[in-house]
Amino acid sequence: TANPFIRRIWTDLPDGNDARPTDLSLTLWHAPDQKRTGFHHLFDEVVRPQSAFWAISPGDAFRRHVGRFLKIPSRCLESLAREMGSGDGGTRSVARLD
């Protein structure tokens, strides 16, 4: 079983987010709620060569940085601001894995 390495993480549940702090240590995140926004915003970060995505060394800091785009382990103010500015009512919102 791949359970120690991957988990489906629901980040836009009506009653909250089931992401856990321990999810940051997983090898792979399956974040289906982030298909429309998180990965879109992460892509915008990835295509900028001078962005933090490319400047941060692989490891915990990098996972936290990418997790902010996907609301892993939780929604941050930056993510909330991006959603509110997206004009989709907050239904939209990515991560490089080591």
PDB file of N, CA and C in Angstrom:
ATOM      1  N   THR A   1       0.830  -1.186   0.000  1.00  0.00           N
ATOM      2  CA  THR A   1       0.000   0.000   0.000  1.00  0.00           C
ATOM      3  C   THR A   1       0.879   1.256   0.000  1.00  0.00           C
ATOM      4  N   ALA A   2       0.377   2.279  -0.630  1.00  0.00           N
ATOM      5  CA  ALA A   2       1.126   3.537  -0.720  1.00  0.00           C
ATOM      6  C   ALA A   2       0.730   4.521   0.376  1.00  0.00           C
ATOM      7  N   ASN A   3      -0.128   4.121   1.284  1.00  0.00           N
ATOM      8  CA  ASN A   3      -0.636   5.027   2.318  1.00  0.00           C
ATOM      9  C   ASN A   3       0.427   5.817   3.082  1.00  0.00           C
ATOM     10  N   PRO A   4       1.595   5.273   3.365  1.00  0.00           N
ATOM     11  CA  PRO A   4       2.588   6.079   4.085  1.00  0.00           C
ATOM     12  C   PRO A   4       3.174   7.224   3.244  1.00  0.00           C
ATOM     13  N   PHE A   5       2.921   7.206   1.932  1.00  0.00           N
ATOM     14  CA  PHE A   5       3.560   8.162   1.036  1.00  0.00           C
ATOM     15  C   PHE A   5       2.609   9.164   0.380  1.00  0.00           C
ATOM     16  N   ILE A   6       1.335   8.832   0.314  1.00  0.00           N
ATOM     17  CA  ILE A   6       0.364   9.665  -0.403  1.00  0.00           C
ATOM     18  C   ILE A   6      -0.944   9.718   0.377  1.00  0.00           C
ATOM     19  N   ARG A   7      -1.644  10.838   0.220  1.00  0.00           N
ATOM     20  CA  ARG A   7      -2.961  10.963   0.843  1.00  0.00           C
ATOM     21  C   ARG A   7      -3.805  11.929   0.021  1.00  0.00           C
ATOM     22  N   ARG A   8      -5.087  11.583  -0.134  1.00  0.00           N
ATOM     23  CA  ARG A   8      -6.028  12.520  -0.757  1.00  0.00           C
ATOM     24  C   ARG A   8      -6.371  13.545   0.310  1.00  0.00           C
ATOM     25  N   ILE A   9      -6.137  14.811  -0.011  1.00  0.00           N
ATOM     26  CA  ILE A   9      -6.316  15.888   0.951  1.00  0.00           C
ATOM     27  C   ILE A   9      -7.412  16.811   0.431  1.00  0.00           C
ATOM     28  N   TRP A  10      -8.518  16.866   1.172  1.00  0.00           N
ATOM     29  CA  TRP A  10      -9.637  17.729   0.804  1.00  0.00           C
ATOM     30  C   TRP A  10      -9.445  19.070   1.486  1.00  0.00           C
ATOM     31  N   THR A  11      -9.289  20.106   0.688  1.00  0.00           N
ATOM     32  CA  THR A  11      -8.966  21.420   1.238  1.00  0.00           C
ATOM     33  C   THR A  11     -10.119  22.409   1.186  1.00  0.00           C
ATOM     34  N   ASP A  12     -11.195  22.087   0.503  1.00  0.00           N
ATOM     35  CA  ASP A  12     -12.332  22.996   0.381  1.00  0.00           C
ATOM     36  C   ASP A  12     -13.637  22.338   0.821  1.00  0.00           C
ATOM     37  N   LEU A  13     -13.594  21.620   1.920  1.00  0.00           N
ATOM     38  CA  LEU A  13     -14.812  21.001   2.444  1.00  0.00           C
ATOM     39  C   LEU A  13     -15.709  22.082   3.035  1.00  0.00           C
ATOM     40  N   PRO A  14     -17.022  21.905   2.963  1.00  0.00           N
ATOM     41  CA  PRO A  14     -17.931  22.911   3.514  1.00  0.00           C
ATOM     42  C   PRO A  14     -17.686  23.198   4.996  1.00  0.00           C
ATOM     43  N   ASP A  15     -17.266  22.188   5.737  1.00  0.00           N
ATOM     44  CA  ASP A  15     -17.043  22.381   7.174  1.00  0.00           C
ATOM     45  C   ASP A  15     -15.563  22.510   7.525  1.00  0.00           C
ATOM     46  N   GLY A  16     -14.721  22.798   6.537  1.00  0.00           N
ATOM     47  CA  GLY A  16     -13.302  23.004   6.820  1.00  0.00           C
ATOM     48  C   GLY A  16     -12.387  22.267   5.869  1.00  0.00           C
ATOM     49  N   ASN A  17     -11.225  21.950   6.378  1.00  0.00           N
ATOM     50  CA  ASN A  17     -10.127  21.408   5.595  1.00  0.00           C
ATOM     51  C   ASN A  17      -9.619  20.175   6.341  1.00  0.00           C
ATOM     52  N   ASP A  18      -9.436  19.043   5.655  1.00  0.00           N
ATOM     53  CA  ASP A  18      -8.946  17.865   6.367  1.00  0.00           C
ATOM     54  C   ASP A  18      -7.425  17.695   6.272  1.00  0.00           C
ATOM     55  N   ALA A  19      -6.736  18.730   5.782  1.00  0.00           N
ATOM     56  CA  ALA A  19      -5.274  18.701   5.731  1.00  0.00           C
ATOM     57  C   ALA A  19      -4.724  18.703   7.156  1.00  0.00           C
ATOM     58  N   ARG A  20      -3.620  17.999   7.334  1.00  0.00           N
ATOM     59  CA  ARG A  20      -2.968  17.887   8.643  1.00  0.00           C
ATOM     60  C   ARG A  20      -1.530  18.390   8.530  1.00  0.00           C
ATOM     61  N   PRO A  21      -0.969  18.887   9.614  1.00  0.00           N
ATOM     62  CA  PRO A  21       0.446  19.300   9.576  1.00  0.00           C
ATOM     63  C   PRO A  21       1.369  18.177   9.104  1.00  0.00           C
ATOM     64  N   THR A  22       1.038  16.926   9.423  1.00  0.00           N
ATOM     65  CA  THR A  22       1.880  15.798   9.011  1.00  0.00           C
ATOM     66  C   THR A  22       1.853  15.563   7.504  1.00  0.00           C
ATOM     67  N   ASP A  23       0.864  16.140   6.808  1.00  0.00           N
ATOM     68  CA  ASP A  23       0.808  15.990   5.349  1.00  0.00           C
ATOM     69  C   ASP A  23       2.017  16.622   4.670  1.00  0.00           C
ATOM     70  N   LEU A  24       2.636  17.593   5.315  1.00  0.00           N
ATOM     71  CA  LEU A  24       3.818  18.226   4.725  1.00  0.00           C
ATOM     72  C   LEU A  24       4.958  17.241   4.519  1.00  0.00           C
ATOM     73  N   SER A  25       4.971  16.151   5.267  1.00  0.00           N
ATOM     74  CA  SER A  25       6.058  15.182   5.138  1.00  0.00           C
ATOM     75  C   SER A  25       5.761  14.074   4.128  1.00  0.00           C
ATOM     76  N   LEU A  26       4.574  14.073   3.536  1.00  0.00           N
ATOM     77  CA  LEU A  26       4.240  13.051   2.541  1.00  0.00           C
ATOM     78  C   LEU A  26       5.038  13.251   1.254  1.00  0.00           C
ATOM     79  N   THR A  27       5.247  12.174   0.525  1.00  0.00           N
ATOM     80  CA  THR A  27       5.943  12.230  -0.755  1.00  0.00           C
ATOM     81  C   THR A  27       5.059  12.840  -1.833  1.00  0.00           C
ATOM     82  N   LEU A  28       3.767  12.558  -1.781  1.00  0.00           N
ATOM     83  CA  LEU A  28       2.840  13.013  -2.812  1.00  0.00           C
ATOM     84  C   LEU A  28       1.533  13.469  -2.182  1.00  0.00           C
ATOM     85  N   TRP A  29       1.048  14.601  -2.652  1.00  0.00           N
ATOM     86  CA  TRP A  29      -0.257  15.114  -2.214  1.00  0.00           C
ATOM     87  C   TRP A  29      -1.243  14.950  -3.362  1.00  0.00           C
ATOM     88  N   HIS A  30      -2.390  14.375  -3.081  1.00  0.00           N
ATOM     89  CA  HIS A  30      -3.474  14.352  -4.059  1.00  0.00           C
ATOM     90  C   HIS A  30      -4.484  15.369  -3.563  1.00  0.00           C
ATOM     91  N   ALA A  31      -4.519  16.524  -4.213  1.00  0.00           N
ATOM     92  CA  ALA A  31      -5.351  17.646  -3.769  1.00  0.00           C
ATOM     93  C   ALA A  31      -6.397  17.957  -4.835  1.00  0.00           C
ATOM     94  N   PRO A  32      -7.447  17.117  -4.937  1.00  0.00           N
ATOM     95  CA  PRO A  32      -8.424  17.307  -6.008  1.00  0.00           C
ATOM     96  C   PRO A  32      -9.151  18.642  -5.959  1.00  0.00           C
ATOM     97  N   ASP A  33      -9.326  19.222  -4.780  1.00  0.00           N
ATOM     98  CA  ASP A  33     -10.012  20.519  -4.682  1.00  0.00           C
ATOM     99  C   ASP A  33      -9.192  21.656  -5.288  1.00  0.00           C
ATOM    100  N   GLN A  34      -7.937  21.422  -5.560  1.00  0.00           N
ATOM    101  CA  GLN A  34      -7.052  22.491  -6.022  1.00  0.00           C
ATOM    102  C   GLN A  34      -6.843  22.504  -7.538  1.00  0.00           C
ATOM    103  N   LYS A  35      -7.601  21.692  -8.262  1.00  0.00           N
ATOM    104  CA  LYS A  35      -7.430  21.606  -9.715  1.00  0.00           C
ATOM    105  C   LYS A  35      -7.627  22.948 -10.417  1.00  0.00           C
ATOM    106  N   ARG A  36      -8.569  23.743  -9.965  1.00  0.00           N
ATOM    107  CA  ARG A  36      -8.890  24.990 -10.657  1.00  0.00           C
ATOM    108  C   ARG A  36      -8.080  26.178 -10.177  1.00  0.00           C
ATOM    109  N   THR A  37      -7.708  26.217  -8.920  1.00  0.00           N
ATOM    110  CA  THR A  37      -7.045  27.423  -8.433  1.00  0.00           C
ATOM    111  C   THR A  37      -5.642  27.182  -7.915  1.00  0.00           C
ATOM    112  N   GLY A  38      -5.472  26.248  -7.003  1.00  0.00           N
ATOM    113  CA  GLY A  38      -4.164  26.034  -6.390  1.00  0.00           C
ATOM    114  C   GLY A  38      -3.092  25.728  -7.417  1.00  0.00           C
ATOM    115  N   PHE A  39      -3.368  24.785  -8.278  1.00  0.00           N
ATOM    116  CA  PHE A  39      -2.371  24.430  -9.288  1.00  0.00           C
ATOM    117  C   PHE A  39      -2.191  25.563 -10.296  1.00  0.00           C
ATOM    118  N   HIS A  40      -3.249  26.287 -10.577  1.00  0.00           N
ATOM    119  CA  HIS A  40      -3.155  27.439 -11.481  1.00  0.00           C
ATOM    120  C   HIS A  40      -2.209  28.490 -10.887  1.00  0.00           C
ATOM    121  N   HIS A  41      -2.405  28.819  -9.615  1.00  0.00           N
ATOM    122  CA  HIS A  41      -1.545  29.818  -8.969  1.00  0.00           C
ATOM    123  C   HIS A  41      -0.120  29.297  -8.795  1.00  0.00           C
ATOM    124  N   LEU A  42       0.016  28.021  -8.532  1.00  0.00           N
ATOM    125  CA  LEU A  42       1.353  27.438  -8.419  1.00  0.00           C
ATOM    126  C   LEU A  42       2.076  27.520  -9.766  1.00  0.00           C
ATOM    127  N   PHE A  43       1.360  27.229 -10.845  1.00  0.00           N
ATOM    128  CA  PHE A  43       1.959  27.326 -12.176  1.00  0.00           C
ATOM    129  C   PHE A  43       2.480  28.739 -12.429  1.00  0.00           C
ATOM    130  N   ASP A  44       1.683  29.734 -12.046  1.00  0.00           N
ATOM    131  CA  ASP A  44       2.120  31.122 -12.205  1.00  0.00           C
ATOM    132  C   ASP A  44       3.435  31.370 -11.468  1.00  0.00           C
ATOM    133  N   GLU A  45       3.618  30.739 -10.342  1.00  0.00           N
ATOM    134  CA  GLU A  45       4.848  30.863  -9.559  1.00  0.00           C
ATOM    135  C   GLU A  45       5.995  30.115 -10.241  1.00  0.00           C
ATOM    136  N   VAL A  46       5.718  28.924 -10.737  1.00  0.00           N
ATOM    137  CA  VAL A  46       6.748  28.079 -11.341  1.00  0.00           C
ATOM    138  C   VAL A  46       7.333  28.692 -12.613  1.00  0.00           C
ATOM    139  N   VAL A  47       6.524  29.351 -13.403  1.00  0.00           N
ATOM    140  CA  VAL A  47       7.015  29.888 -14.676  1.00  0.00           C
ATOM    141  C   VAL A  47       7.825  31.168 -14.518  1.00  0.00           C
ATOM    142  N   ARG A  48       7.886  31.711 -13.320  1.00  0.00           N
ATOM    143  CA  ARG A  48       8.719  32.901 -13.070  1.00  0.00           C
ATOM    144  C   ARG A  48      10.074  32.441 -12.520  1.00  0.00           C
ATOM    145  N   PRO A  49      11.136  32.510 -13.301  1.00  0.00           N
ATOM    146  CA  PRO A  49      12.446  32.017 -12.868  1.00  0.00           C
ATOM    147  C   PRO A  49      12.972  32.656 -11.579  1.00  0.00           C
ATOM    148  N   GLN A  50      12.552  33.872 -11.266  1.00  0.00           N
ATOM    149  CA  GLN A  50      13.040  34.534 -10.061  1.00  0.00           C
ATOM    150  C   GLN A  50      12.116  34.313  -8.861  1.00  0.00           C
ATOM    151  N   SER A  51      11.104  33.481  -8.984  1.00  0.00           N
ATOM    152  CA  SER A  51      10.152  33.273  -7.891  1.00  0.00           C
ATOM    153  C   SER A  51      10.778  32.443  -6.767  1.00  0.00           C
ATOM    154  N   ALA A  52      10.124  32.479  -5.630  1.00  0.00           N
ATOM    155  CA  ALA A  52      10.586  31.712  -4.462  1.00  0.00           C
ATOM    156  C   ALA A  52      10.595  30.217  -4.752  1.00  0.00           C
ATOM    157  N   PHE A  53       9.749  29.756  -5.656  1.00  0.00           N
ATOM    158  CA  PHE A  53       9.712  28.332  -6.006  1.00  0.00           C
ATOM    159  C   PHE A  53      11.104  27.834  -6.382  1.00  0.00           C
ATOM    160  N   TRP A  54      11.828  28.640  -7.136  1.00  0.00           N
ATOM    161  CA  TRP A  54      13.159  28.250  -7.595  1.00  0.00           C
ATOM    162  C   TRP A  54      14.267  28.647  -6.619  1.00  0.00           C
ATOM    163  N   ALA A  55      13.985  29.548  -5.715  1.00  0.00           N
ATOM    164  CA  ALA A  55      15.012  30.041  -4.796  1.00  0.00           C
ATOM    165  C   ALA A  55      15.111  29.224  -3.513  1.00  0.00           C
ATOM    166  N   ILE A  56      14.023  28.600  -3.108  1.00  0.00           N
ATOM    167  CA  ILE A  56      14.008  27.851  -1.847  1.00  0.00           C
ATOM    168  C   ILE A  56      14.576  26.455  -2.078  1.00  0.00           C
ATOM    169  N   SER A  57      15.474  26.036  -1.221  1.00  0.00           N
ATOM    170  CA  SER A  57      16.066  24.695  -1.315  1.00  0.00           C
ATOM    171  C   SER A  57      15.022  23.631  -0.995  1.00  0.00           C
ATOM    172  N   PRO A  58      15.128  22.455  -1.631  1.00  0.00           N
ATOM    173  CA  PRO A  58      14.208  21.364  -1.304  1.00  0.00           C
ATOM    174  C   PRO A  58      14.261  21.056   0.195  1.00  0.00           C
ATOM    175  N   GLY A  59      13.138  20.727   0.739  1.00  0.00           N
ATOM    176  CA  GLY A  59      13.047  20.410   2.161  1.00  0.00           C
ATOM    177  C   GLY A  59      11.798  21.014   2.770  1.00  0.00           C
ATOM    178  N   ASP A  60      11.820  21.173   4.084  1.00  0.00           N
ATOM    179  CA  ASP A  60      10.638  21.646   4.809  1.00  0.00           C
ATOM    180  C   ASP A  60      10.169  23.018   4.359  1.00  0.00           C
ATOM    181  N   ALA A  61      11.085  23.959   4.188  1.00  0.00           N
ATOM    182  CA  ALA A  61      10.686  25.314   3.778  1.00  0.00           C
ATOM    183  C   ALA A  61      10.020  25.279   2.402  1.00  0.00           C
ATOM    184  N   PHE A  62      10.538  24.467   1.512  1.00  0.00           N
ATOM    185  CA  PHE A  62       9.956  24.357   0.178  1.00  0.00           C
ATOM    186  C   PHE A  62       8.560  23.754   0.248  1.00  0.00           C
ATOM    187  N   ARG A  63       8.401  22.688   1.032  1.00  0.00           N
ATOM    188  CA  ARG A  63       7.076  22.065   1.178  1.00  0.00           C
ATOM    189  C   ARG A  63       6.062  23.056   1.739  1.00  0.00           C
ATOM    190  N   ARG A  64       6.473  23.840   2.729  1.00  0.00           N
ATOM    191  CA  ARG A  64       5.565  24.845   3.297  1.00  0.00           C
ATOM    192  C   ARG A  64       5.189  25.889   2.243  1.00  0.00           C
ATOM    193  N   HIS A  65       6.173  26.309   1.458  1.00  0.00           N
ATOM    194  CA  HIS A  65       5.915  27.310   0.416  1.00  0.00           C
ATOM    195  C   HIS A  65       4.893  26.780  -0.590  1.00  0.00           C
ATOM    196  N   VAL A  66       5.109  25.593  -1.095  1.00  0.00           N
ATOM    197  CA  VAL A  66       4.202  25.007  -2.074  1.00  0.00           C
ATOM    198  C   VAL A  66       2.849  24.716  -1.432  1.00  0.00           C
ATOM    199  N   GLY A  67       2.872  24.247  -0.200  1.00  0.00           N
ATOM    200  CA  GLY A  67       1.635  23.945   0.509  1.00  0.00           C
ATOM    201  C   GLY A  67       0.719  25.139   0.632  1.00  0.00           C
ATOM    202  N   ARG A  68       1.285  26.333   0.708  1.00  0.00           N
ATOM    203  CA  ARG A  68       0.449  27.542   0.799  1.00  0.00           C
ATOM    204  C   ARG A  68      -0.453  27.690  -0.420  1.00  0.00           C
ATOM    205  N   PHE A  69       0.027  27.296  -1.579  1.00  0.00           N
ATOM    206  CA  PHE A  69      -0.777  27.390  -2.793  1.00  0.00           C
ATOM    207  C   PHE A  69      -1.923  26.381  -2.789  1.00  0.00           C
ATOM    208  N   LEU A  70      -1.713  25.248  -2.114  1.00  0.00           N
ATOM    209  CA  LEU A  70      -2.697  24.157  -2.115  1.00  0.00           C
ATOM    210  C   LEU A  70      -3.489  24.052  -0.822  1.00  0.00           C
ATOM    211  N   LYS A  71      -3.275  25.014   0.085  1.00  0.00           N
ATOM    212  CA  LYS A  71      -3.955  25.020   1.383  1.00  0.00           C
ATOM    213  C   LYS A  71      -3.556  23.810   2.223  1.00  0.00           C
ATOM    214  N   ILE A  72      -2.313  23.403   2.107  1.00  0.00           N
ATOM    215  CA  ILE A  72      -1.789  22.289   2.893  1.00  0.00           C
ATOM    216  C   ILE A  72      -0.696  22.834   3.788  1.00  0.00           C
ATOM    217  N   PRO A  73      -0.769  22.741   5.088  1.00  0.00           N
ATOM    218  CA  PRO A  73      -1.781  22.010   5.836  1.00  0.00           C
ATOM    219  C   PRO A  73      -3.061  22.792   6.103  1.00  0.00           C
ATOM    220  N   SER A  74      -3.111  24.070   5.803  1.00  0.00           N
ATOM    221  CA  SER A  74      -4.355  24.808   6.013  1.00  0.00           C
ATOM    222  C   SER A  74      -4.353  26.054   5.143  1.00  0.00           C
ATOM    223  N   ARG A  75      -5.500  26.660   5.050  1.00  0.00           N
ATOM    224  CA  ARG A  75      -5.641  27.887   4.264  1.00  0.00           C
ATOM    225  C   ARG A  75      -4.860  29.002   4.943  1.00  0.00           C
ATOM    226  N   CYS A  76      -4.086  29.722   4.172  1.00  0.00           N
ATOM    227  CA  CYS A  76      -3.345  30.856   4.719  1.00  0.00           C
ATOM    228  C   CYS A  76      -3.960  32.145   4.170  1.00  0.00           C
ATOM    229  N   LEU A  77      -3.609  33.261   4.739  1.00  0.00           N
ATOM    230  CA  LEU A  77      -4.166  34.538   4.301  1.00  0.00           C
ATOM    231  C   LEU A  77      -3.833  34.830   2.846  1.00  0.00           C
ATOM    232  N   GLU A  78      -2.626  34.463   2.416  1.00  0.00           N
ATOM    233  CA  GLU A  78      -2.223  34.692   1.030  1.00  0.00           C
ATOM    234  C   GLU A  78      -3.138  33.930   0.074  1.00  0.00           C
ATOM    235  N   SER A  79      -3.431  32.678   0.400  1.00  0.00           N
ATOM    236  CA  SER A  79      -4.311  31.860  -0.423  1.00  0.00           C
ATOM    237  C   SER A  79      -5.717  32.437  -0.442  1.00  0.00           C
ATOM    238  N   LEU A  80      -6.202  32.854   0.705  1.00  0.00           N
ATOM    239  CA  LEU A  80      -7.527  33.441   0.793  1.00  0.00           C
ATOM    240  C   LEU A  80      -7.614  34.714  -0.057  1.00  0.00           C
ATOM    241  N   ALA A  81      -6.590  35.544  -0.010  1.00  0.00           N
ATOM    242  CA  ALA A  81      -6.576  36.776  -0.797  1.00  0.00           C
ATOM    243  C   ALA A  81      -6.586  36.465  -2.289  1.00  0.00           C
ATOM    244  N   ARG A  82      -5.820  35.451  -2.713  1.00  0.00           N
ATOM    245  CA  ARG A  82      -5.807  35.059  -4.126  1.00  0.00           C
ATOM    246  C   ARG A  82      -7.194  34.612  -4.560  1.00  0.00           C
ATOM    247  N   GLU A  83      -7.856  33.804  -3.722  1.00  0.00           N
ATOM    248  CA  GLU A  83      -9.179  33.297  -4.069  1.00  0.00           C
ATOM    249  C   GLU A  83     -10.180  34.426  -4.189  1.00  0.00           C
ATOM    250  N   MET A  84     -10.149  35.340  -3.260  1.00  0.00           N
ATOM    251  CA  MET A  84     -11.104  36.438  -3.280  1.00  0.00           C
ATOM    252  C   MET A  84     -10.888  37.309  -4.511  1.00  0.00           C
ATOM    253  N   GLY A  85      -9.662  37.408  -4.973  1.00  0.00           N
ATOM    254  CA  GLY A  85      -9.357  38.198  -6.157  1.00  0.00           C
ATOM    255  C   GLY A  85      -9.614  37.462  -7.451  1.00  0.00           C
ATOM    256  N   SER A  86      -9.895  36.160  -7.383  1.00  0.00           N
ATOM    257  CA  SER A  86     -10.073  35.369  -8.598  1.00  0.00           C
ATOM    258  C   SER A  86     -11.443  35.537  -9.223  1.00  0.00           C
ATOM    259  N   GLY A  87     -12.395  36.096  -8.472  1.00  0.00           N
ATOM    260  CA  GLY A  87     -13.723  36.313  -9.013  1.00  0.00           C
ATOM    261  C   GLY A  87     -14.562  35.060  -9.124  1.00  0.00           C
ATOM    262  N   ASP A  88     -14.135  33.966  -8.510  1.00  0.00           N
ATOM    263  CA  ASP A  88     -14.901  32.724  -8.615  1.00  0.00           C
ATOM    264  C   ASP A  88     -15.576  32.355  -7.303  1.00  0.00           C
ATOM    265  N   GLY A  89     -15.655  33.305  -6.394  1.00  0.00           N
ATOM    266  CA  GLY A  89     -16.310  33.041  -5.121  1.00  0.00           C
ATOM    267  C   GLY A  89     -15.488  32.182  -4.177  1.00  0.00           C
ATOM    268  N   GLY A  90     -14.211  32.084  -4.431  1.00  0.00           N
ATOM    269  CA  GLY A  90     -13.353  31.317  -3.543  1.00  0.00           C
ATOM    270  C   GLY A  90     -13.296  29.837  -3.835  1.00  0.00           C
ATOM    271  N   THR A  91     -13.792  29.407  -4.984  1.00  0.00           N
ATOM    272  CA  THR A  91     -13.763  27.982  -5.281  1.00  0.00           C
ATOM    273  C   THR A  91     -12.490  27.561  -5.999  1.00  0.00           C
ATOM    274  N   ARG A  92     -11.635  28.524  -6.361  1.00  0.00           N
ATOM    275  CA  ARG A  92     -10.398  28.201  -7.054  1.00  0.00           C
ATOM    276  C   ARG A  92      -9.183  28.362  -6.131  1.00  0.00           C
ATOM    277  N   SER A  93      -8.129  27.791  -6.259  1.00  0.00           N
ATOM    278  CA  SER A  93      -6.830  28.042  -5.640  1.00  0.00           C
ATOM    279  C   SER A  93      -5.709  27.266  -6.342  1.00  0.00           C
ATOM    280  N   VAL A  94      -0.103  25.154  -5.437  1.00  0.00           N
ATOM    281  CA  VAL A  94       0.401  23.981  -6.043  1.00  0.00           C
ATOM    282  C   VAL A  94       1.701  23.651  -5.367  1.00  0.00           C
ATOM    283  N   ALA A  95       2.585  22.363  -5.741  1.00  0.00           N
ATOM    284  CA  ALA A  95       3.637  21.906  -4.878  1.00  0.00           C
ATOM    285  C   ALA A  95       4.653  21.147  -5.664  1.00  0.00           C
ATOM    286  N   ARG A  96       5.854  21.481  -5.526  1.00  0.00           N
ATOM    287  CA  ARG A  96       6.946  20.690  -6.089  1.00  0.00           C
ATOM    288  C   ARG A  96       7.305  19.692  -5.030  1.00  0.00           C
ATOM    289  N   LEU A  97       7.432  18.446  -5.408  1.00  0.00           N
ATOM    290  CA  LEU A  97       7.781  17.417  -4.440  1.00  0.00           C
ATOM    291  C   LEU A  97       9.258  17.080  -4.587  1.00  0.00           C
ATOM    292  N   ASP A  98       9.888  16.823  -3.475  1.00  0.00           N
ATOM    293  CA  ASP A  98      11.303  16.447  -3.506  1.00  0.00           C
ATOM    294  C   ASP A  98      11.469  15.100  -4.156  1.00  0.00           C
TER     295      ASP A  98
END
